[in-house]
């Protein structure tokens, strides 16, 4: 048995594309960028949503710059161009998409402004 599973966190490169399929499912396609120290990687993601509440939520939240955590499986597309050149591309088929709070939202909620407290004798640990 082969295991084909991924987990990735990143930010949407642009607003998602939403399309209703003949089956009634809604397909969201989007690209995310993942920062790894000095390198940025880009991934194309497909997410099938069936429940109307999820579709409404995702259509409002999957916007450019939104931080997301995505899990699912990998799938390879293969095709041949008109000149006979063979191509392939790996895409991510998401089982779960979690929209994360933006950095400015999470610091407001936690009260953390990212600034260090002023040093006083009371808050020095030694």
N, C-alpha and C. Protein backbone atom coordinates (compact mmCIF):
# COMPACT_ATOMS: atom_id res chain seq x y z
N UNK A 1 0.84 -1.18 0.00
CA UNK A 1 0.00 0.00 0.00
C UNK A 1 0.88 1.24 0.00
N UNK A 2 0.58 2.20 -0.88
CA UNK A 2 1.36 3.44 -0.96
C UNK A 2 0.68 4.52 -0.16
N UNK A 3 1.48 5.32 0.50
CA UNK A 3 0.96 6.44 1.26
C UNK A 3 1.22 7.71 0.46
N UNK A 4 0.19 8.46 0.19
CA UNK A 4 0.30 9.67 -0.60
C UNK A 4 -0.42 10.77 0.18
N UNK A 5 0.29 11.48 1.03
CA UNK A 5 -0.31 12.48 1.90
C UNK A 5 0.62 13.66 2.03
N UNK A 6 0.06 14.86 2.08
CA UNK A 6 0.88 16.05 2.28
C UNK A 6 0.21 16.97 3.30
N UNK A 7 1.01 17.80 3.94
CA UNK A 7 0.57 18.86 4.83
C UNK A 7 1.42 20.08 4.48
N UNK A 8 0.78 21.20 4.25
CA UNK A 8 1.54 22.39 3.86
C UNK A 8 0.83 23.64 4.36
N UNK A 9 1.61 24.62 4.77
CA UNK A 9 1.08 25.92 5.17
C UNK A 9 1.69 26.98 4.27
N UNK A 10 0.87 27.91 3.84
CA UNK A 10 1.35 28.98 2.97
C UNK A 10 0.31 30.06 2.81
N UNK A 11 0.55 30.95 1.88
CA UNK A 11 -0.36 32.06 1.61
C UNK A 11 -0.85 32.00 0.18
N UNK A 12 -2.13 32.35 -0.04
CA UNK A 12 -2.68 32.37 -1.38
C UNK A 12 -1.99 33.43 -2.23
N UNK A 13 -1.62 33.04 -3.44
CA UNK A 13 -0.93 33.92 -4.37
C UNK A 13 -1.91 34.92 -4.99
N UNK A 14 -3.15 34.47 -5.21
CA UNK A 14 -4.22 35.34 -5.74
C UNK A 14 -5.55 34.76 -5.25
N UNK A 15 -6.65 35.47 -5.50
CA UNK A 15 -7.97 34.98 -5.10
C UNK A 15 -8.24 33.62 -5.74
N UNK A 16 -8.96 32.76 -5.01
CA UNK A 16 -9.29 31.44 -5.55
C UNK A 16 -10.29 31.55 -6.69
N UNK A 17 -10.30 30.53 -7.53
CA UNK A 17 -11.26 30.42 -8.62
C UNK A 17 -12.30 29.39 -8.20
N UNK A 18 -13.59 29.75 -8.23
CA UNK A 18 -14.65 28.86 -7.81
C UNK A 18 -15.49 28.46 -9.02
N UNK A 19 -15.78 27.14 -9.14
CA UNK A 19 -16.55 26.64 -10.27
C UNK A 19 -17.51 25.55 -9.78
N UNK A 20 -18.78 25.66 -10.12
CA UNK A 20 -19.76 24.63 -9.75
C UNK A 20 -19.76 23.56 -10.84
N UNK A 21 -19.59 22.31 -10.42
CA UNK A 21 -19.51 21.18 -11.35
C UNK A 21 -20.90 20.60 -11.60
N UNK A 22 -21.10 19.85 -12.68
CA UNK A 22 -22.41 19.23 -12.95
C UNK A 22 -22.89 18.33 -11.81
N UNK A 23 -21.97 17.77 -11.04
CA UNK A 23 -22.34 16.90 -9.92
C UNK A 23 -22.93 17.69 -8.75
N UNK A 24 -22.80 19.01 -8.79
CA UNK A 24 -23.28 19.84 -7.69
C UNK A 24 -22.17 20.24 -6.74
N UNK A 25 -21.03 19.59 -6.82
CA UNK A 25 -19.88 19.96 -6.00
C UNK A 25 -19.31 21.28 -6.49
N UNK A 26 -18.64 21.97 -5.62
CA UNK A 26 -17.97 23.21 -6.00
C UNK A 26 -16.47 22.96 -5.94
N UNK A 27 -15.79 23.33 -7.01
CA UNK A 27 -14.34 23.16 -7.10
C UNK A 27 -13.67 24.51 -6.89
N UNK A 28 -12.81 24.58 -5.90
CA UNK A 28 -11.98 25.76 -5.69
C UNK A 28 -10.58 25.42 -6.18
N UNK A 29 -10.01 26.27 -7.00
CA UNK A 29 -8.62 26.11 -7.41
C UNK A 29 -7.87 27.37 -6.98
N UNK A 30 -6.69 27.16 -6.44
CA UNK A 30 -5.88 28.28 -5.99
C UNK A 30 -4.43 27.85 -5.91
N UNK A 31 -3.55 28.82 -5.83
CA UNK A 31 -2.12 28.57 -5.69
C UNK A 31 -1.67 29.15 -4.36
N UNK A 32 -0.77 28.43 -3.70
CA UNK A 32 -0.20 28.94 -2.46
C UNK A 32 1.31 29.02 -2.58
N UNK A 33 1.87 29.96 -1.84
CA UNK A 33 3.33 30.12 -1.77
C UNK A 33 3.76 29.73 -0.37
N UNK A 34 4.83 28.95 -0.30
CA UNK A 34 5.39 28.51 0.98
C UNK A 34 6.81 29.05 1.08
N UNK A 35 7.09 29.74 2.17
CA UNK A 35 8.44 30.27 2.41
C UNK A 35 9.26 29.26 3.18
N UNK A 36 10.40 28.89 2.64
CA UNK A 36 11.37 28.03 3.32
C UNK A 36 12.69 28.76 3.36
N UNK A 37 12.90 29.50 4.43
CA UNK A 37 14.11 30.30 4.62
C UNK A 37 14.36 31.23 3.44
N UNK A 38 15.26 30.88 2.53
CA UNK A 38 15.60 31.77 1.43
C UNK A 38 14.96 31.34 0.10
N UNK A 39 14.03 30.38 0.14
CA UNK A 39 13.42 29.86 -1.08
C UNK A 39 11.89 29.87 -0.94
N UNK A 40 11.21 30.27 -2.00
CA UNK A 40 9.75 30.24 -2.02
C UNK A 40 9.31 29.17 -3.02
N UNK A 41 8.39 28.30 -2.58
CA UNK A 41 7.85 27.26 -3.46
C UNK A 41 6.37 27.56 -3.70
N UNK A 42 5.90 27.28 -4.92
CA UNK A 42 4.51 27.54 -5.30
C UNK A 42 3.82 26.22 -5.60
N UNK A 43 2.57 26.08 -5.15
CA UNK A 43 1.80 24.85 -5.34
C UNK A 43 0.40 25.18 -5.85
N UNK A 44 -0.09 24.40 -6.81
CA UNK A 44 -1.47 24.51 -7.28
C UNK A 44 -2.32 23.53 -6.49
N UNK A 45 -3.47 24.00 -6.01
CA UNK A 45 -4.34 23.21 -5.13
C UNK A 45 -5.74 23.15 -5.72
N UNK A 46 -6.38 21.97 -5.60
CA UNK A 46 -7.78 21.80 -5.94
C UNK A 46 -8.50 21.32 -4.69
N UNK A 47 -9.64 21.95 -4.40
CA UNK A 47 -10.43 21.58 -3.23
C UNK A 47 -11.90 21.46 -3.64
N UNK A 48 -12.50 20.29 -3.40
CA UNK A 48 -13.90 20.05 -3.73
C UNK A 48 -14.74 20.25 -2.47
N UNK A 49 -15.69 21.16 -2.52
CA UNK A 49 -16.57 21.44 -1.39
C UNK A 49 -17.99 21.04 -1.77
N UNK A 50 -18.68 20.36 -0.86
CA UNK A 50 -20.04 19.91 -1.16
C UNK A 50 -21.09 20.69 -0.38
N UNK A 51 -20.81 21.03 0.86
CA UNK A 51 -21.80 21.71 1.70
C UNK A 51 -21.85 23.20 1.37
N UNK A 52 -23.06 23.74 1.27
CA UNK A 52 -23.24 25.15 0.93
C UNK A 52 -22.55 26.09 1.93
N UNK A 53 -22.56 25.72 3.21
CA UNK A 53 -21.94 26.59 4.22
C UNK A 53 -20.42 26.67 4.02
N UNK A 54 -19.83 25.56 3.64
CA UNK A 54 -18.38 25.54 3.39
C UNK A 54 -18.07 26.37 2.14
N UNK A 55 -18.89 26.23 1.11
CA UNK A 55 -18.68 26.98 -0.13
C UNK A 55 -18.74 28.48 0.16
N UNK A 56 -19.74 28.91 0.91
CA UNK A 56 -19.89 30.34 1.23
C UNK A 56 -18.68 30.83 2.02
N UNK A 57 -18.27 30.07 3.03
CA UNK A 57 -17.13 30.45 3.86
C UNK A 57 -15.86 30.53 3.02
N UNK A 58 -15.60 29.51 2.21
CA UNK A 58 -14.38 29.47 1.41
C UNK A 58 -14.36 30.59 0.37
N UNK A 59 -15.51 30.89 -0.23
CA UNK A 59 -15.54 31.95 -1.23
C UNK A 59 -15.23 33.31 -0.62
N UNK A 60 -15.54 33.48 0.66
CA UNK A 60 -15.25 34.74 1.36
C UNK A 60 -13.83 34.80 1.91
N UNK A 61 -13.23 33.64 2.15
CA UNK A 61 -11.93 33.61 2.85
C UNK A 61 -10.73 33.27 1.98
N UNK A 62 -10.93 32.56 0.88
CA UNK A 62 -9.79 32.17 0.05
C UNK A 62 -9.41 33.30 -0.90
N UNK A 63 -8.85 34.35 -0.31
CA UNK A 63 -8.48 35.55 -1.04
C UNK A 63 -6.97 35.74 -1.01
N UNK A 64 -6.46 36.52 -1.94
CA UNK A 64 -5.02 36.76 -2.05
C UNK A 64 -4.42 37.13 -0.69
N UNK A 65 -3.32 36.45 -0.36
CA UNK A 65 -2.60 36.72 0.88
C UNK A 65 -3.09 35.95 2.08
N UNK A 66 -4.24 35.29 1.99
CA UNK A 66 -4.78 34.55 3.13
C UNK A 66 -3.86 33.39 3.50
N UNK A 67 -3.50 33.28 4.79
CA UNK A 67 -2.70 32.14 5.22
C UNK A 67 -3.59 30.91 5.38
N UNK A 68 -3.13 29.77 4.86
CA UNK A 68 -3.91 28.54 4.92
C UNK A 68 -3.02 27.36 5.31
N UNK A 69 -3.67 26.36 5.90
CA UNK A 69 -3.04 25.06 6.16
C UNK A 69 -3.84 24.05 5.36
N UNK A 70 -3.16 23.30 4.48
CA UNK A 70 -3.83 22.39 3.56
C UNK A 70 -3.27 20.99 3.74
N UNK A 71 -4.16 19.99 3.74
CA UNK A 71 -3.71 18.60 3.75
C UNK A 71 -4.50 17.84 2.68
N UNK A 72 -3.88 16.79 2.16
CA UNK A 72 -4.53 16.01 1.12
C UNK A 72 -3.58 15.04 0.47
N UNK A 73 -3.75 14.87 -0.85
CA UNK A 73 -2.91 13.92 -1.59
C UNK A 73 -2.36 14.60 -2.83
N UNK A 74 -1.32 14.02 -3.39
CA UNK A 74 -0.70 14.52 -4.61
C UNK A 74 -1.26 13.78 -5.82
N UNK A 75 -1.38 14.51 -6.93
CA UNK A 75 -1.83 13.89 -8.17
C UNK A 75 -1.01 14.47 -9.32
N UNK A 76 -0.65 13.62 -10.27
CA UNK A 76 0.14 14.08 -11.41
C UNK A 76 -0.72 14.15 -12.67
N UNK A 77 -0.72 15.32 -13.30
CA UNK A 77 -1.37 15.50 -14.60
C UNK A 77 -0.31 15.32 -15.68
N UNK A 78 -0.68 14.63 -16.75
CA UNK A 78 0.22 14.46 -17.89
C UNK A 78 -0.53 14.82 -19.16
N UNK A 79 0.15 15.51 -20.07
CA UNK A 79 -0.47 15.88 -21.34
C UNK A 79 0.62 16.07 -22.38
N UNK A 80 0.16 16.11 -23.62
CA UNK A 80 1.07 16.31 -24.75
C UNK A 80 0.62 17.56 -25.50
N UNK A 81 1.55 18.47 -25.76
CA UNK A 81 1.21 19.69 -26.48
C UNK A 81 1.08 19.39 -27.98
N UNK A 82 0.61 20.35 -28.73
CA UNK A 82 0.37 20.15 -30.16
C UNK A 82 1.64 19.82 -30.94
N UNK A 83 2.80 20.25 -30.42
CA UNK A 83 4.06 19.94 -31.11
C UNK A 83 4.64 18.59 -30.69
N UNK A 84 3.89 17.85 -29.85
CA UNK A 84 4.34 16.51 -29.44
C UNK A 84 5.16 16.48 -28.16
N UNK A 85 5.42 17.64 -27.57
CA UNK A 85 6.19 17.69 -26.33
C UNK A 85 5.33 17.17 -25.18
N UNK A 86 5.90 16.26 -24.38
CA UNK A 86 5.18 15.71 -23.24
C UNK A 86 5.44 16.58 -22.01
N UNK A 87 4.38 16.81 -21.24
CA UNK A 87 4.45 17.64 -20.04
C UNK A 87 3.84 16.88 -18.87
N UNK A 88 4.23 17.26 -17.68
CA UNK A 88 3.58 16.74 -16.48
C UNK A 88 3.65 17.80 -15.39
N UNK A 89 2.71 17.71 -14.47
CA UNK A 89 2.62 18.69 -13.40
C UNK A 89 2.01 18.00 -12.17
N UNK A 90 2.60 18.26 -11.03
CA UNK A 90 2.05 17.75 -9.77
C UNK A 90 1.11 18.80 -9.20
N UNK A 91 -0.09 18.37 -8.81
CA UNK A 91 -1.01 19.28 -8.14
C UNK A 91 -1.43 18.65 -6.81
N UNK A 92 -1.90 19.48 -5.93
CA UNK A 92 -2.33 19.03 -4.61
C UNK A 92 -3.85 18.95 -4.60
N UNK A 93 -4.38 17.79 -4.26
CA UNK A 93 -5.83 17.61 -4.11
C UNK A 93 -6.11 17.67 -2.61
N UNK A 94 -6.76 18.73 -2.18
CA UNK A 94 -6.95 18.98 -0.75
C UNK A 94 -8.15 18.21 -0.21
N UNK A 95 -7.93 17.58 0.94
CA UNK A 95 -9.03 16.98 1.70
C UNK A 95 -9.54 17.97 2.74
N UNK A 96 -8.62 18.81 3.20
CA UNK A 96 -8.95 19.77 4.26
C UNK A 96 -8.21 21.07 4.00
N UNK A 97 -8.92 22.18 4.13
CA UNK A 97 -8.32 23.50 4.01
C UNK A 97 -8.73 24.29 5.24
N UNK A 98 -7.75 24.75 5.99
CA UNK A 98 -8.02 25.58 7.16
C UNK A 98 -7.49 26.97 6.89
N UNK A 99 -8.37 27.95 6.98
CA UNK A 99 -7.97 29.34 6.81
C UNK A 99 -7.46 29.82 8.16
N UNK A 100 -6.23 30.30 8.19
CA UNK A 100 -5.59 30.73 9.43
C UNK A 100 -5.75 32.24 9.60
N UNK A 101 -5.67 32.72 10.84
CA UNK A 101 -5.75 34.18 11.01
C UNK A 101 -4.50 34.84 10.44
N UNK A 102 -4.69 36.02 9.88
CA UNK A 102 -3.54 36.78 9.38
C UNK A 102 -2.71 37.22 10.57
N UNK A 103 -1.44 37.48 10.34
CA UNK A 103 -0.53 37.86 11.43
C UNK A 103 -1.06 39.05 12.20
N UNK A 104 -1.59 40.06 11.53
CA UNK A 104 -2.09 41.24 12.23
C UNK A 104 -3.31 40.91 13.07
N UNK A 105 -4.16 39.94 12.64
CA UNK A 105 -5.33 39.54 13.40
C UNK A 105 -4.94 38.77 14.64
N UNK A 106 -3.98 37.85 14.54
CA UNK A 106 -3.61 37.04 15.68
C UNK A 106 -2.90 37.87 16.75
N UNK A 107 -2.14 38.88 16.35
CA UNK A 107 -1.48 39.70 17.36
C UNK A 107 -2.47 40.61 18.06
N UNK A 108 -3.52 41.06 17.34
CA UNK A 108 -4.55 41.87 17.99
C UNK A 108 -5.30 41.05 19.02
N UNK A 109 -5.66 39.80 18.66
CA UNK A 109 -6.42 38.94 19.55
C UNK A 109 -5.61 38.57 20.79
N UNK A 110 -4.33 38.32 20.64
CA UNK A 110 -3.51 37.91 21.77
C UNK A 110 -2.98 39.09 22.56
N UNK A 111 -3.11 40.28 21.99
CA UNK A 111 -2.57 41.46 22.66
C UNK A 111 -1.08 41.60 22.44
N UNK A 112 -0.50 40.74 21.63
CA UNK A 112 0.93 40.78 21.37
C UNK A 112 1.20 41.69 20.19
N UNK A 113 1.91 42.76 20.42
CA UNK A 113 2.20 43.71 19.35
C UNK A 113 3.51 43.42 18.67
N UNK A 114 4.26 42.43 19.19
CA UNK A 114 5.55 42.11 18.61
C UNK A 114 6.67 42.94 19.20
N UNK A 115 6.32 43.88 20.08
CA UNK A 115 7.34 44.71 20.71
C UNK A 115 7.74 44.10 22.05
N UNK A 116 9.00 44.26 22.40
CA UNK A 116 9.49 43.77 23.68
C UNK A 116 9.05 44.72 24.78
N UNK A 117 8.72 44.17 25.97
CA UNK A 117 8.34 45.06 27.06
C UNK A 117 9.54 45.88 27.53
N UNK A 118 9.25 47.02 28.07
CA UNK A 118 10.31 47.88 28.59
C UNK A 118 10.96 47.19 29.78
N UNK A 119 12.30 47.22 29.86
CA UNK A 119 13.00 46.57 30.96
C UNK A 119 12.84 47.39 32.23
N UNK A 120 12.42 46.69 33.25
CA UNK A 120 12.37 47.28 34.60
C UNK A 120 12.96 46.27 35.55
N UNK A 121 13.21 46.66 36.76
CA UNK A 121 13.78 45.73 37.73
C UNK A 121 12.81 44.62 38.06
N UNK A 122 11.50 44.87 37.96
CA UNK A 122 10.52 43.84 38.30
C UNK A 122 10.44 42.71 37.26
N UNK A 123 10.73 42.98 35.99
CA UNK A 123 10.58 41.92 34.99
C UNK A 123 11.90 41.30 34.54
N UNK A 124 13.01 41.58 35.22
CA UNK A 124 14.27 40.93 34.92
C UNK A 124 14.30 39.61 35.68
N UNK A 125 14.50 38.46 34.99
CA UNK A 125 14.35 37.15 35.63
C UNK A 125 15.46 36.73 36.57
N UNK A 126 16.51 37.52 36.78
CA UNK A 126 17.58 37.09 37.68
C UNK A 126 17.97 38.16 38.64
